[in-house]
């Protein structure tokens, strides 16, 4: 283990399985507002911690990273806090938290894990299907007229039973497809993973969705294929923070190249 010990903080937007953050030795802060994060940082400083890596969902859909930065500024001179915008959300952020915790356990320094998080930001891709009529909350460049148009469009989508597939990668949220058929959209996820595997090799992925739900079962079916090699890491329920950011009833996967999942012990 390295002599440079540091704490890891995240919020419930990481959608780790229940109890997993504690098992990893990660401080889970709920809610992810300035006051709660400041209280967590103060507890860690009081316990003798000198450095913290604070991991949060991308600013495109979550305000947690900015809340963490405000709290970190208030700890100046007392605790060094490295706030990381993971460029992803939900189980995508969970993958980053898992790998950072594993790297710390392997003896990595604060600088090492911040660099690792930057690598993961460029490679982790979150693919999520919204419930009928739901839309992610975009936190930038929101105008009233656009909001009204989006609400009208969401109403139309609910009426026709249409769902939307979104891709979130390196802090960029993009609409990938729309369909009234959930099977069509889950097939698009499998196709996207196949294309990613051709470039990156074997993959690892984590799923988010209501356990034993119809939508989650539909998602898993096209992933059981010989077209590409992929290993499922875990399945998580959609937490409150993710539901607020990406919409109720979201289902999807976060994908990472297996070489990045397994490379933390080489840091």
C-alpha atoms as a PDB file:
ATOM      1  CA  UNK A   1       0.000   0.000   0.000  1.00  0.00           C
ATOM      2  CA  UNK A   2       1.145   3.548  -0.681  1.00  0.00           C
ATOM      3  CA  UNK A   3       1.975   5.866   2.207  1.00  0.00           C
ATOM      4  CA  UNK A   4      -0.251   8.489   0.618  1.00  0.00           C
ATOM      5  CA  UNK A   5      -3.682   7.578   1.944  1.00  0.00           C
ATOM      6  CA  UNK A   6      -6.778   9.275   0.669  1.00  0.00           C
ATOM      7  CA  UNK A   7     -10.525   8.956   0.979  1.00  0.00           C
ATOM      8  CA  UNK A   8     -13.019   8.438  -1.835  1.00  0.00           C
ATOM      9  CA  UNK A   9     -16.385  10.193  -1.827  1.00  0.00           C
ATOM     10  CA  UNK A  10     -19.311   9.761  -4.212  1.00  0.00           C
ATOM     11  CA  UNK A  11     -23.059  10.374  -4.213  1.00  0.00           C
ATOM     12  CA  UNK A  12     -26.002   8.048  -4.761  1.00  0.00           C
ATOM     13  CA  UNK A  13     -26.044   8.915  -8.471  1.00  0.00           C
ATOM     14  CA  UNK A  14     -23.393   6.203  -8.934  1.00  0.00           C
ATOM     15  CA  UNK A  15     -26.056   3.448  -8.634  1.00  0.00           C
ATOM     16  CA  UNK A  16     -23.758   0.933  -6.986  1.00  0.00           C
ATOM     17  CA  UNK A  17     -25.498  -2.172  -5.590  1.00  0.00           C
ATOM     18  CA  UNK A  18     -26.718  -1.769  -2.025  1.00  0.00           C
ATOM     19  CA  UNK A  19     -23.871  -1.985   0.459  1.00  0.00           C
ATOM     20  CA  UNK A  20     -21.184  -1.926  -2.208  1.00  0.00           C
ATOM     21  CA  UNK A  21     -19.875   1.581  -1.436  1.00  0.00           C
ATOM     22  CA  UNK A  22     -19.319   0.619   2.195  1.00  0.00           C
ATOM     23  CA  UNK A  23     -17.568  -2.598   1.138  1.00  0.00           C
ATOM     24  CA  UNK A  24     -15.245  -0.557  -1.068  1.00  0.00           C
ATOM     25  CA  UNK A  25     -14.487   1.896   1.734  1.00  0.00           C
ATOM     26  CA  UNK A  26     -16.178   4.720  -0.168  1.00  0.00           C
ATOM     27  CA  UNK A  27     -18.033   7.539   1.588  1.00  0.00           C
ATOM     28  CA  UNK A  28     -21.525   7.744   0.064  1.00  0.00           C
ATOM     29  CA  UNK A  29     -23.075  11.195   0.516  1.00  0.00           C
ATOM     30  CA  UNK A  30     -26.843  11.687   0.258  1.00  0.00           C
ATOM     31  CA  UNK A  31     -28.099  14.136  -0.818  1.00  0.00           C
ATOM     32  CA  UNK A  32     -25.254  15.452  -2.967  1.00  0.00           C
ATOM     33  CA  UNK A  33     -25.621  19.093  -1.976  1.00  0.00           C
ATOM     34  CA  UNK A  34     -22.989  21.488  -0.691  1.00  0.00           C
ATOM     35  CA  UNK A  35     -23.979  21.155   2.967  1.00  0.00           C
ATOM     36  CA  UNK A  36     -23.935  17.337   2.974  1.00  0.00           C
ATOM     37  CA  UNK A  37     -20.671  17.143   1.059  1.00  0.00           C
ATOM     38  CA  UNK A  38     -19.060  19.742   3.319  1.00  0.00           C
ATOM     39  CA  UNK A  39     -20.142  17.750   6.378  1.00  0.00           C
ATOM     40  CA  UNK A  40     -18.595  14.594   4.868  1.00  0.00           C
ATOM     41  CA  UNK A  41     -15.331  16.391   4.083  1.00  0.00           C
ATOM     42  CA  UNK A  42     -15.211  17.809   7.623  1.00  0.00           C
ATOM     43  CA  UNK A  43     -15.720  14.345   9.134  1.00  0.00           C
ATOM     44  CA  UNK A  44     -12.870  12.996   7.061  1.00  0.00           C
ATOM     45  CA  UNK A  45     -10.584  15.901   7.978  1.00  0.00           C
ATOM     46  CA  UNK A  46     -11.415  15.383  11.663  1.00  0.00           C
ATOM     47  CA  UNK A  47     -10.462  11.710  11.236  1.00  0.00           C
ATOM     48  CA  UNK A  48      -7.006  12.717  10.004  1.00  0.00           C
ATOM     49  CA  UNK A  49      -7.548  12.294   6.257  1.00  0.00           C
ATOM     50  CA  UNK A  50      -5.465  14.729   4.218  1.00  0.00           C
ATOM     51  CA  UNK A  51      -6.739  14.093   0.689  1.00  0.00           C
ATOM     52  CA  UNK A  52     -10.075  13.197  -0.897  1.00  0.00           C
ATOM     53  CA  UNK A  53     -11.057  12.143  -4.404  1.00  0.00           C
ATOM     54  CA  UNK A  54     -14.704  13.113  -4.882  1.00  0.00           C
ATOM     55  CA  UNK A  55     -16.379  11.368  -7.855  1.00  0.00           C
ATOM     56  CA  UNK A  56     -19.671  12.586  -9.327  1.00  0.00           C
ATOM     57  CA  UNK A  57     -21.879  12.335 -12.392  1.00  0.00           C
ATOM     58  CA  UNK A  58     -21.316  14.611 -15.333  1.00  0.00           C
ATOM     59  CA  UNK A  59     -22.407  18.236 -15.136  1.00  0.00           C
ATOM     60  CA  UNK A  60     -24.609  17.717 -18.220  1.00  0.00           C
ATOM     61  CA  UNK A  61     -27.230  15.935 -16.105  1.00  0.00           C
ATOM     62  CA  UNK A  62     -26.149  16.430 -12.474  1.00  0.00           C
ATOM     63  CA  UNK A  63     -25.190  19.360 -10.303  1.00  0.00           C
ATOM     64  CA  UNK A  64     -23.309  17.176  -7.810  1.00  0.00           C
ATOM     65  CA  UNK A  65     -19.808  17.976  -9.086  1.00  0.00           C
ATOM     66  CA  UNK A  66     -20.385  21.717  -8.795  1.00  0.00           C
ATOM     67  CA  UNK A  67     -21.828  21.265  -5.301  1.00  0.00           C
ATOM     68  CA  UNK A  68     -18.685  19.306  -4.429  1.00  0.00           C
ATOM     69  CA  UNK A  69     -16.440  22.055  -5.808  1.00  0.00           C
ATOM     70  CA  UNK A  70     -18.184  24.649  -3.662  1.00  0.00           C
ATOM     71  CA  UNK A  71     -17.794  22.453  -0.586  1.00  0.00           C
ATOM     72  CA  UNK A  72     -14.152  21.766  -1.470  1.00  0.00           C
ATOM     73  CA  UNK A  73     -13.352  25.473  -1.672  1.00  0.00           C
ATOM     74  CA  UNK A  74     -14.637  25.880   1.878  1.00  0.00           C
ATOM     75  CA  UNK A  75     -12.141  23.213   3.014  1.00  0.00           C
ATOM     76  CA  UNK A  76      -9.143  25.053   1.534  1.00  0.00           C
ATOM     77  CA  UNK A  77      -6.132  24.859   3.820  1.00  0.00           C
ATOM     78  CA  UNK A  78      -7.640  22.011   5.811  1.00  0.00           C
ATOM     79  CA  UNK A  79      -8.305  19.235   3.311  1.00  0.00           C
ATOM     80  CA  UNK A  80      -7.209  18.744  -0.301  1.00  0.00           C
ATOM     81  CA  UNK A  81     -10.224  17.661  -2.370  1.00  0.00           C
ATOM     82  CA  UNK A  82      -9.911  16.548  -6.013  1.00  0.00           C
ATOM     83  CA  UNK A  83     -13.388  16.805  -7.523  1.00  0.00           C
ATOM     84  CA  UNK A  84     -13.856  14.603 -10.589  1.00  0.00           C
ATOM     85  CA  UNK A  85     -16.646  14.971 -13.159  1.00  0.00           C
ATOM     86  CA  UNK A  86     -16.789  11.378 -14.421  1.00  0.00           C
ATOM     87  CA  UNK A  87     -18.280  12.363 -17.794  1.00  0.00           C
ATOM     88  CA  UNK A  88     -21.009   9.776 -17.274  1.00  0.00           C
ATOM     89  CA  UNK A  89     -23.824   8.976 -14.822  1.00  0.00           C
ATOM     90  CA  UNK A  90     -25.616   6.144 -13.023  1.00  0.00           C
ATOM     91  CA  UNK A  91     -23.769   2.817 -13.330  1.00  0.00           C
ATOM     92  CA  UNK A  92     -21.206   4.552 -15.553  1.00  0.00           C
ATOM     93  CA  UNK A  93     -20.127   6.588 -12.538  1.00  0.00           C
ATOM     94  CA  UNK A  94     -20.358   3.376 -10.521  1.00  0.00           C
ATOM     95  CA  UNK A  95     -17.756   1.788 -12.787  1.00  0.00           C
ATOM     96  CA  UNK A  96     -15.418   4.741 -12.212  1.00  0.00           C
ATOM     97  CA  UNK A  97     -15.929   4.523  -8.431  1.00  0.00           C
ATOM     98  CA  UNK A  98     -15.238   0.762  -8.472  1.00  0.00           C
ATOM     99  CA  UNK A  99     -12.012   1.139 -10.438  1.00  0.00           C
ATOM    100  CA  UNK A 100     -10.736   4.075  -8.396  1.00  0.00           C
ATOM    101  CA  UNK A 101     -11.375   2.114  -5.186  1.00  0.00           C
ATOM    102  CA  UNK A 102      -9.600  -0.942  -6.643  1.00  0.00           C
ATOM    103  CA  UNK A 103      -6.644   1.201  -7.695  1.00  0.00           C
ATOM    104  CA  UNK A 104      -6.385   2.685  -4.199  1.00  0.00           C
ATOM    105  CA  UNK A 105      -6.393  -0.830  -2.744  1.00  0.00           C
ATOM    106  CA  UNK A 106      -3.574  -1.743  -5.147  1.00  0.00           C
ATOM    107  CA  UNK A 107      -1.473   1.134  -3.802  1.00  0.00           C
ATOM    108  CA  UNK A 108      -2.196   3.909  -6.319  1.00  0.00           C
ATOM    109  CA  UNK A 109      -1.705   7.529  -5.305  1.00  0.00           C
ATOM    110  CA  UNK A 110      -4.256  10.341  -5.554  1.00  0.00           C
ATOM    111  CA  UNK A 111      -2.619  11.535  -8.773  1.00  0.00           C
ATOM    112  CA  UNK A 112      -2.752   7.995 -10.176  1.00  0.00           C
ATOM    113  CA  UNK A 113      -6.480   7.571  -9.582  1.00  0.00           C
ATOM    114  CA  UNK A 114      -7.360  11.028 -10.905  1.00  0.00           C
ATOM    115  CA  UNK A 115      -5.498  10.090 -14.099  1.00  0.00           C
ATOM    116  CA  UNK A 116      -7.333   6.746 -14.159  1.00  0.00           C
ATOM    117  CA  UNK A 117     -10.682   8.529 -13.815  1.00  0.00           C
ATOM    118  CA  UNK A 118      -9.740  10.716 -16.795  1.00  0.00           C
ATOM    119  CA  UNK A 119      -8.996   7.581 -18.848  1.00  0.00           C
ATOM    120  CA  UNK A 120     -12.314   6.046 -17.863  1.00  0.00           C
ATOM    121  CA  UNK A 121     -14.168   9.249 -18.725  1.00  0.00           C
ATOM    122  CA  UNK A 122     -12.983   8.838 -22.323  1.00  0.00           C
ATOM    123  CA  UNK A 123     -13.911   5.141 -22.541  1.00  0.00           C
ATOM    124  CA  UNK A 124     -17.007   4.483 -20.412  1.00  0.00           C
ATOM    125  CA  UNK A 125     -20.227   4.775 -22.397  1.00  0.00           C
ATOM    126  CA  UNK A 126     -23.695   4.872 -20.849  1.00  0.00           C
ATOM    127  CA  UNK A 127     -26.594   3.774 -23.075  1.00  0.00           C
ATOM    128  CA  UNK A 128     -30.018   4.266 -21.518  1.00  0.00           C
ATOM    129  CA  UNK A 129     -33.603   3.911 -22.685  1.00  0.00           C
ATOM    130  CA  UNK A 130     -36.103   6.251 -21.105  1.00  0.00           C
ATOM    131  CA  UNK A 131     -39.608   5.343 -20.064  1.00  0.00           C
ATOM    132  CA  UNK A 132     -42.400   6.478 -22.361  1.00  0.00           C
ATOM    133  CA  UNK A 133     -42.305  10.253 -22.640  1.00  0.00           C
ATOM    134  CA  UNK A 134     -39.422  10.729 -20.181  1.00  0.00           C
ATOM    135  CA  UNK A 135     -36.383  12.846 -20.989  1.00  0.00           C
ATOM    136  CA  UNK A 136     -33.026  13.435 -19.295  1.00  0.00           C
ATOM    137  CA  UNK A 137     -32.593  16.766 -17.540  1.00  0.00           C
ATOM    138  CA  UNK A 138     -30.029  18.783 -19.496  1.00  0.00           C
ATOM    139  CA  UNK A 139     -28.441  21.288 -17.164  1.00  0.00           C
ATOM    140  CA  UNK A 140     -26.838  23.569 -19.759  1.00  0.00           C
ATOM    141  CA  UNK A 141     -28.236  26.104 -22.206  1.00  0.00           C
ATOM    142  CA  UNK A 142     -31.841  25.591 -21.095  1.00  0.00           C
ATOM    143  CA  UNK A 143     -34.272  28.185 -22.427  1.00  0.00           C
ATOM    144  CA  UNK A 144     -37.913  28.570 -21.561  1.00  0.00           C
ATOM    145  CA  UNK A 145     -39.085  28.206 -25.158  1.00  0.00           C
ATOM    146  CA  UNK A 146     -37.036  25.036 -25.547  1.00  0.00           C
ATOM    147  CA  UNK A 147     -38.419  23.702 -22.286  1.00  0.00           C
ATOM    148  CA  UNK A 148     -41.976  24.256 -23.464  1.00  0.00           C
ATOM    149  CA  UNK A 149     -41.240  22.515 -26.733  1.00  0.00           C
ATOM    150  CA  UNK A 150     -39.652  19.596 -24.888  1.00  0.00           C
ATOM    151  CA  UNK A 151     -42.692  19.249 -22.633  1.00  0.00           C
ATOM    152  CA  UNK A 152     -44.988  19.200 -25.648  1.00  0.00           C
ATOM    153  CA  UNK A 153     -42.777  16.618 -27.339  1.00  0.00           C
ATOM    154  CA  UNK A 154     -42.710  14.504 -24.172  1.00  0.00           C
ATOM    155  CA  UNK A 155     -46.505  14.575 -24.043  1.00  0.00           C
ATOM    156  CA  UNK A 156     -46.670  13.396 -27.646  1.00  0.00           C
ATOM    157  CA  UNK A 157     -44.199  10.604 -26.858  1.00  0.00           C
ATOM    158  CA  UNK A 158     -46.330   9.424 -23.943  1.00  0.00           C
ATOM    159  CA  UNK A 159     -49.448   9.418 -26.082  1.00  0.00           C
ATOM    160  CA  UNK A 160     -47.862   7.276 -28.784  1.00  0.00           C
ATOM    161  CA  UNK A 161     -45.879   5.108 -26.349  1.00  0.00           C
ATOM    162  CA  UNK A 162     -42.496   6.164 -27.720  1.00  0.00           C
ATOM    163  CA  UNK A 163     -39.200   5.643 -25.881  1.00  0.00           C
ATOM    164  CA  UNK A 164     -35.819   7.213 -26.560  1.00  0.00           C
ATOM    165  CA  UNK A 165     -32.306   5.786 -26.492  1.00  0.00           C
ATOM    166  CA  UNK A 166     -29.625   8.177 -25.246  1.00  0.00           C
ATOM    167  CA  UNK A 167     -25.856   7.879 -25.261  1.00  0.00           C
ATOM    168  CA  UNK A 168     -23.765   9.595 -22.588  1.00  0.00           C
ATOM    169  CA  UNK A 169     -20.038   9.598 -23.215  1.00  0.00           C
ATOM    170  CA  UNK A 170     -17.229  11.919 -22.100  1.00  0.00           C
ATOM    171  CA  UNK A 171     -19.735  14.471 -20.834  1.00  0.00           C
ATOM    172  CA  UNK A 172     -21.768  14.518 -24.052  1.00  0.00           C
ATOM    173  CA  UNK A 173     -25.427  13.496 -24.005  1.00  0.00           C
ATOM    174  CA  UNK A 174     -26.929  12.596 -27.381  1.00  0.00           C
ATOM    175  CA  UNK A 175     -30.173  11.112 -28.607  1.00  0.00           C
ATOM    176  CA  UNK A 176     -29.380   7.915 -30.507  1.00  0.00           C
ATOM    177  CA  UNK A 177     -32.818   6.629 -31.538  1.00  0.00           C
ATOM    178  CA  UNK A 178     -36.551   6.657 -30.885  1.00  0.00           C
ATOM    179  CA  UNK A 179     -39.014   3.828 -31.179  1.00  0.00           C
ATOM    180  CA  UNK A 180     -42.297   2.517 -29.877  1.00  0.00           C
ATOM    181  CA  UNK A 181     -40.616  -0.907 -29.742  1.00  0.00           C
ATOM    182  CA  UNK A 182     -38.459  -1.575 -26.697  1.00  0.00           C
ATOM    183  CA  UNK A 183     -36.919  -4.517 -28.544  1.00  0.00           C
ATOM    184  CA  UNK A 184     -35.731  -2.206 -31.324  1.00  0.00           C
ATOM    185  CA  UNK A 185     -33.940   0.023 -28.841  1.00  0.00           C
ATOM    186  CA  UNK A 186     -32.358  -2.816 -26.859  1.00  0.00           C
ATOM    187  CA  UNK A 187     -31.177  -4.203 -30.187  1.00  0.00           C
ATOM    188  CA  UNK A 188     -29.543  -0.852 -30.906  1.00  0.00           C
ATOM    189  CA  UNK A 189     -27.687  -1.101 -27.596  1.00  0.00           C
ATOM    190  CA  UNK A 190     -26.385  -4.548 -28.552  1.00  0.00           C
ATOM    191  CA  UNK A 191     -25.349  -3.201 -31.958  1.00  0.00           C
ATOM    192  CA  UNK A 192     -23.507  -0.279 -30.331  1.00  0.00           C
ATOM    193  CA  UNK A 193     -21.708  -2.656 -27.980  1.00  0.00           C
ATOM    194  CA  UNK A 194     -20.729  -4.872 -30.900  1.00  0.00           C
ATOM    195  CA  UNK A 195     -19.212  -1.873 -32.703  1.00  0.00           C
ATOM    196  CA  UNK A 196     -17.396  -0.861 -29.527  1.00  0.00           C
ATOM    197  CA  UNK A 197     -16.019  -4.390 -29.082  1.00  0.00           C
ATOM    198  CA  UNK A 198     -14.587  -4.317 -32.597  1.00  0.00           C
ATOM    199  CA  UNK A 199     -12.513  -1.284 -31.618  1.00  0.00           C
ATOM    200  CA  UNK A 200     -11.816  -2.002 -27.948  1.00  0.00           C
ATOM    201  CA  UNK A 201     -11.863  -5.795 -27.634  1.00  0.00           C
ATOM    202  CA  UNK A 202     -13.762  -7.624 -24.863  1.00  0.00           C
ATOM    203  CA  UNK A 203     -16.113  -5.488 -22.781  1.00  0.00           C
ATOM    204  CA  UNK A 204     -17.463  -5.296 -19.260  1.00  0.00           C
ATOM    205  CA  UNK A 205     -20.831  -3.769 -18.495  1.00  0.00           C
ATOM    206  CA  UNK A 206     -23.142  -2.879 -15.631  1.00  0.00           C
ATOM    207  CA  UNK A 207     -26.918  -2.681 -15.969  1.00  0.00           C
ATOM    208  CA  UNK A 208     -29.395  -0.279 -14.431  1.00  0.00           C
ATOM    209  CA  UNK A 209     -33.133  -0.947 -14.205  1.00  0.00           C
ATOM    210  CA  UNK A 210     -35.863  -2.198 -11.948  1.00  0.00           C
ATOM    211  CA  UNK A 211     -34.894  -5.747 -10.827  1.00  0.00           C
ATOM    212  CA  UNK A 212     -36.808  -8.499 -12.639  1.00  0.00           C
ATOM    213  CA  UNK A 213     -38.595  -5.879 -14.762  1.00  0.00           C
ATOM    214  CA  UNK A 214     -39.927  -6.517 -18.248  1.00  0.00           C
ATOM    215  CA  UNK A 215     -37.659  -3.790 -19.630  1.00  0.00           C
ATOM    216  CA  UNK A 216     -34.540  -5.233 -18.006  1.00  0.00           C
ATOM    217  CA  UNK A 217     -35.337  -8.692 -19.368  1.00  0.00           C
ATOM    218  CA  UNK A 218     -35.751  -7.188 -22.842  1.00  0.00           C
ATOM    219  CA  UNK A 219     -32.374  -5.497 -22.473  1.00  0.00           C
ATOM    220  CA  UNK A 220     -30.537  -8.657 -21.424  1.00  0.00           C
ATOM    221  CA  UNK A 221     -31.865 -10.800 -24.275  1.00  0.00           C
ATOM    222  CA  UNK A 222     -29.886  -9.206 -27.180  1.00  0.00           C
ATOM    223  CA  UNK A 223     -26.752  -9.041 -25.013  1.00  0.00           C
ATOM    224  CA  UNK A 224     -26.696 -12.858 -24.857  1.00  0.00           C
ATOM    225  CA  UNK A 225     -24.933 -13.131 -28.196  1.00  0.00           C
ATOM    226  CA  UNK A 226     -21.812 -14.523 -29.830  1.00  0.00           C
ATOM    227  CA  UNK A 227     -21.256 -11.299 -31.805  1.00  0.00           C
ATOM    228  CA  UNK A 228     -18.985  -9.858 -29.116  1.00  0.00           C
ATOM    229  CA  UNK A 229     -17.396 -10.849 -25.818  1.00  0.00           C
ATOM    230  CA  UNK A 230     -18.802  -9.054 -22.782  1.00  0.00           C
ATOM    231  CA  UNK A 231     -18.957  -9.739 -19.055  1.00  0.00           C
ATOM    232  CA  UNK A 232     -21.756  -8.434 -16.854  1.00  0.00           C
ATOM    233  CA  UNK A 233     -20.430  -6.833 -13.668  1.00  0.00           C
ATOM    234  CA  UNK A 234     -23.637  -6.115 -11.763  1.00  0.00           C
ATOM    235  CA  UNK A 235     -27.257  -5.025 -12.011  1.00  0.00           C
ATOM    236  CA  UNK A 236     -28.474  -2.024 -10.021  1.00  0.00           C
ATOM    237  CA  UNK A 237     -31.838  -0.473  -9.394  1.00  0.00           C
ATOM    238  CA  UNK A 238     -32.305   3.085 -10.623  1.00  0.00           C
ATOM    239  CA  UNK A 239     -31.730   5.348  -7.618  1.00  0.00           C
ATOM    240  CA  UNK A 240     -33.495   8.603  -6.848  1.00  0.00           C
ATOM    241  CA  UNK A 241     -30.651  10.756  -8.176  1.00  0.00           C
ATOM    242  CA  UNK A 242     -30.574   8.868 -11.475  1.00  0.00           C
ATOM    243  CA  UNK A 243     -34.366   9.012 -11.784  1.00  0.00           C
ATOM    244  CA  UNK A 244     -34.225  12.779 -11.272  1.00  0.00           C
ATOM    245  CA  UNK A 245     -31.473  13.188 -13.884  1.00  0.00           C
ATOM    246  CA  UNK A 246     -32.403  10.595 -16.514  1.00  0.00           C
ATOM    247  CA  UNK A 247     -36.105  10.009 -15.861  1.00  0.00           C
ATOM    248  CA  UNK A 248     -38.183   7.457 -13.988  1.00  0.00           C
ATOM    249  CA  UNK A 249     -38.143   3.921 -15.364  1.00  0.00           C
ATOM    250  CA  UNK A 250     -34.811   4.240 -17.161  1.00  0.00           C
ATOM    251  CA  UNK A 251     -33.091   1.013 -18.232  1.00  0.00           C
ATOM    252  CA  UNK A 252     -29.662   0.643 -19.778  1.00  0.00           C
ATOM    253  CA  UNK A 253     -25.994  -0.293 -19.557  1.00  0.00           C
ATOM    254  CA  UNK A 254     -22.647   1.319 -18.911  1.00  0.00           C
ATOM    255  CA  UNK A 255     -19.878  -0.259 -20.965  1.00  0.00           C
ATOM    256  CA  UNK A 256     -16.115  -0.192 -20.415  1.00  0.00           C
ATOM    257  CA  UNK A 257     -13.290  -2.019 -22.235  1.00  0.00           C
ATOM    258  CA  UNK A 258     -12.233  -5.040 -20.195  1.00  0.00           C
ATOM    259  CA  UNK A 259      -8.582  -3.986 -20.435  1.00  0.00           C
ATOM    260  CA  UNK A 260      -9.404  -0.824 -18.464  1.00  0.00           C
ATOM    261  CA  UNK A 261     -11.431  -2.763 -15.920  1.00  0.00           C
ATOM    262  CA  UNK A 262      -8.508  -5.096 -15.228  1.00  0.00           C
ATOM    263  CA  UNK A 263      -5.578  -2.672 -15.610  1.00  0.00           C
ATOM    264  CA  UNK A 264      -5.767  -0.918 -12.219  1.00  0.00           C
ATOM    265  CA  UNK A 265      -3.191  -3.265 -10.674  1.00  0.00           C
ATOM    266  CA  UNK A 266      -0.648  -2.052 -13.247  1.00  0.00           C
ATOM    267  CA  UNK A 267      -0.724   1.570 -12.029  1.00  0.00           C
END
